[in-house]
Amino acid sequence: MDDEEELKARLEEMKIEHRDMDVIIEQLLDTPPVDFVRLQRLKKRKLVLRDSIAKIESMLIPDIIA
């Protein structure tokens, strides 16, 4: 049960970081000149976060045998 709580806490941290990435990317786009290398890195990090979030969420869902 302790591992589940740790996963839930990590999941929440990752969701917050993912939302923060939206804000950072938007601010970067709104302030010229746009640093496209940094923008690509941020977008890639956001995709990695999304994949990690999905993985943890699937780990937290109990297996149901139909």
N, C-alpha and C. Protein backbone atom coordinates (compact mmCIF):
# COMPACT_ATOMS: atom_id res chain seq x y z
N MET A 1 0.82 -1.20 0.00
CA MET A 1 0.00 0.00 0.00
C MET A 1 0.87 1.26 0.00
N ASP A 2 2.03 1.15 0.60
CA ASP A 2 2.95 2.29 0.66
C ASP A 2 3.41 2.68 -0.74
N ASP A 3 3.67 1.67 -1.56
CA ASP A 3 4.09 1.93 -2.94
C ASP A 3 2.98 2.65 -3.72
N GLU A 4 1.75 2.27 -3.46
CA GLU A 4 0.62 2.91 -4.15
C GLU A 4 0.53 4.39 -3.79
N GLU A 5 0.76 4.70 -2.53
CA GLU A 5 0.72 6.09 -2.10
C GLU A 5 1.86 6.89 -2.73
N GLU A 6 3.03 6.26 -2.83
CA GLU A 6 4.16 6.92 -3.47
C GLU A 6 3.87 7.17 -4.95
N LEU A 7 3.25 6.20 -5.61
CA LEU A 7 2.90 6.37 -7.02
C LEU A 7 1.89 7.50 -7.20
N LYS A 8 0.90 7.56 -6.30
CA LYS A 8 -0.11 8.62 -6.38
C LYS A 8 0.53 9.99 -6.17
N ALA A 9 1.46 10.09 -5.24
CA ALA A 9 2.14 11.36 -4.98
C ALA A 9 2.98 11.75 -6.19
N ARG A 10 3.71 10.80 -6.75
CA ARG A 10 4.54 11.08 -7.93
C ARG A 10 3.67 11.48 -9.11
N LEU A 11 2.52 10.80 -9.25
CA LEU A 11 1.59 11.11 -10.33
C LEU A 11 1.10 12.55 -10.23
N GLU A 12 0.76 12.97 -9.04
CA GLU A 12 0.28 14.34 -8.83
C GLU A 12 1.39 15.35 -9.16
N GLU A 13 2.61 15.06 -8.74
CA GLU A 13 3.74 15.95 -9.05
C GLU A 13 3.93 16.07 -10.56
N MET A 14 3.83 14.95 -11.25
CA MET A 14 4.02 14.94 -12.70
C MET A 14 2.90 15.71 -13.41
N LYS A 15 1.68 15.58 -12.92
CA LYS A 15 0.56 16.32 -13.53
C LYS A 15 0.75 17.82 -13.36
N ILE A 16 1.23 18.22 -12.19
CA ILE A 16 1.50 19.64 -11.95
C ILE A 16 2.60 20.13 -12.87
N GLU A 17 3.66 19.35 -13.00
CA GLU A 17 4.77 19.74 -13.88
C GLU A 17 4.28 19.83 -15.33
N HIS A 18 3.41 18.91 -15.74
CA HIS A 18 2.87 18.92 -17.10
C HIS A 18 2.07 20.19 -17.36
N ARG A 19 1.24 20.58 -16.39
CA ARG A 19 0.47 21.83 -16.52
C ARG A 19 1.39 23.04 -16.55
N ASP A 20 2.43 23.02 -15.73
CA ASP A 20 3.40 24.12 -15.71
C ASP A 20 4.11 24.25 -17.06
N MET A 21 4.36 23.12 -17.70
CA MET A 21 5.01 23.15 -19.01
C MET A 21 4.15 23.90 -20.02
N ASP A 22 2.83 23.74 -19.93
CA ASP A 22 1.93 24.49 -20.81
C ASP A 22 2.15 25.99 -20.66
N VAL A 23 2.24 26.45 -19.43
CA VAL A 23 2.42 27.87 -19.15
C VAL A 23 3.77 28.34 -19.67
N ILE A 24 4.81 27.57 -19.42
CA ILE A 24 6.15 27.95 -19.86
C ILE A 24 6.22 28.01 -21.38
N ILE A 25 5.64 27.02 -22.05
CA ILE A 25 5.66 27.00 -23.51
C ILE A 25 4.89 28.20 -24.06
N GLU A 26 3.75 28.49 -23.48
CA GLU A 26 2.95 29.63 -23.93
C GLU A 26 3.71 30.94 -23.75
N GLN A 27 4.38 31.10 -22.61
CA GLN A 27 5.17 32.32 -22.36
C GLN A 27 6.33 32.42 -23.35
N LEU A 28 6.95 31.30 -23.64
CA LEU A 28 8.06 31.30 -24.59
C LEU A 28 7.60 31.74 -25.97
N LEU A 29 6.43 31.28 -26.36
CA LEU A 29 5.89 31.64 -27.67
C LEU A 29 5.47 33.11 -27.74
N ASP A 30 5.09 33.67 -26.59
CA ASP A 30 4.61 35.05 -26.55
C ASP A 30 5.73 36.09 -26.45
N THR A 31 6.95 35.65 -26.19
CA THR A 31 8.05 36.61 -26.04
C THR A 31 9.09 36.40 -27.13
N PRO A 32 9.02 37.24 -28.17
CA PRO A 32 10.01 37.12 -29.25
C PRO A 32 11.37 37.59 -28.78
N PRO A 33 12.44 37.16 -29.33
CA PRO A 33 12.52 36.11 -30.34
C PRO A 33 12.34 34.73 -29.69
N VAL A 34 11.68 33.84 -30.40
CA VAL A 34 11.39 32.51 -29.87
C VAL A 34 12.64 31.63 -29.99
N ASP A 35 13.00 31.02 -28.89
CA ASP A 35 14.12 30.07 -28.86
C ASP A 35 13.56 28.70 -29.23
N PHE A 36 13.68 28.34 -30.50
CA PHE A 36 13.04 27.12 -30.99
C PHE A 36 13.69 25.85 -30.44
N VAL A 37 14.97 25.91 -30.13
CA VAL A 37 15.63 24.75 -29.54
C VAL A 37 15.06 24.49 -28.15
N ARG A 38 14.93 25.54 -27.37
CA ARG A 38 14.36 25.40 -26.03
C ARG A 38 12.90 24.96 -26.12
N LEU A 39 12.17 25.50 -27.07
CA LEU A 39 10.77 25.14 -27.27
C LEU A 39 10.64 23.64 -27.57
N GLN A 40 11.49 23.13 -28.45
CA GLN A 40 11.45 21.71 -28.79
C GLN A 40 11.79 20.84 -27.58
N ARG A 41 12.77 21.27 -26.79
CA ARG A 41 13.13 20.51 -25.59
C ARG A 41 11.98 20.48 -24.59
N LEU A 42 11.33 21.61 -24.42
CA LEU A 42 10.19 21.66 -23.51
C LEU A 42 9.05 20.77 -23.99
N LYS A 43 8.77 20.81 -25.27
CA LYS A 43 7.71 19.98 -25.82
C LYS A 43 8.04 18.50 -25.69
N LYS A 44 9.30 18.15 -25.90
CA LYS A 44 9.72 16.76 -25.76
C LYS A 44 9.57 16.31 -24.31
N ARG A 45 9.99 17.17 -23.38
CA ARG A 45 9.85 16.85 -21.95
C ARG A 45 8.38 16.67 -21.58
N LYS A 46 7.52 17.51 -22.16
CA LYS A 46 6.09 17.42 -21.90
C LYS A 46 5.53 16.08 -22.39
N LEU A 47 5.99 15.62 -23.56
CA LEU A 47 5.55 14.33 -24.09
C LEU A 47 6.03 13.18 -23.20
N VAL A 48 7.26 13.28 -22.72
CA VAL A 48 7.78 12.25 -21.82
C VAL A 48 6.95 12.21 -20.54
N LEU A 49 6.61 13.38 -20.03
CA LEU A 49 5.76 13.45 -18.83
C LEU A 49 4.41 12.81 -19.08
N ARG A 50 3.80 13.12 -20.24
CA ARG A 50 2.50 12.56 -20.57
C ARG A 50 2.55 11.04 -20.60
N ASP A 51 3.59 10.50 -21.22
CA ASP A 51 3.75 9.05 -21.29
C ASP A 51 3.95 8.44 -19.90
N SER A 52 4.72 9.11 -19.07
CA SER A 52 4.97 8.62 -17.71
C SER A 52 3.70 8.68 -16.88
N ILE A 53 2.92 9.72 -17.06
CA ILE A 53 1.65 9.85 -16.35
C ILE A 53 0.73 8.70 -16.75
N ALA A 54 0.63 8.42 -18.03
CA ALA A 54 -0.23 7.33 -18.51
C ALA A 54 0.24 5.99 -17.95
N LYS A 55 1.55 5.79 -17.88
CA LYS A 55 2.09 4.53 -17.36
C LYS A 55 1.73 4.36 -15.89
N ILE A 56 1.91 5.40 -15.09
CA ILE A 56 1.60 5.31 -13.67
C ILE A 56 0.11 5.12 -13.46
N GLU A 57 -0.71 5.84 -14.24
CA GLU A 57 -2.15 5.67 -14.11
C GLU A 57 -2.57 4.24 -14.41
N SER A 58 -1.96 3.62 -15.41
CA SER A 58 -2.30 2.23 -15.72
C SER A 58 -1.83 1.28 -14.63
N MET A 59 -0.74 1.63 -13.95
CA MET A 59 -0.27 0.81 -12.84
C MET A 59 -1.22 0.89 -11.64
N LEU A 60 -1.88 2.01 -11.49
CA LEU A 60 -2.77 2.21 -10.34
C LEU A 60 -4.15 1.60 -10.56
N ILE A 61 -4.50 1.33 -11.81
CA ILE A 61 -5.80 0.72 -12.11
C ILE A 61 -5.67 -0.77 -11.89
N PRO A 62 -6.55 -1.33 -11.04
CA PRO A 62 -6.44 -2.77 -10.77
C PRO A 62 -6.82 -3.59 -12.01
N ASP A 63 -6.12 -4.71 -12.18
CA ASP A 63 -6.44 -5.62 -13.28
C ASP A 63 -7.77 -6.29 -12.99
N ILE A 64 -8.67 -6.24 -13.96
CA ILE A 64 -9.98 -6.87 -13.84
C ILE A 64 -10.06 -7.98 -14.87
N ILE A 65 -10.26 -9.17 -14.40
CA ILE A 65 -10.37 -10.30 -15.31
C ILE A 65 -11.83 -10.42 -15.70
N ALA A 66 -12.09 -10.31 -17.00
CA ALA A 66 -13.47 -10.37 -17.48
C ALA A 66 -13.86 -11.80 -17.78
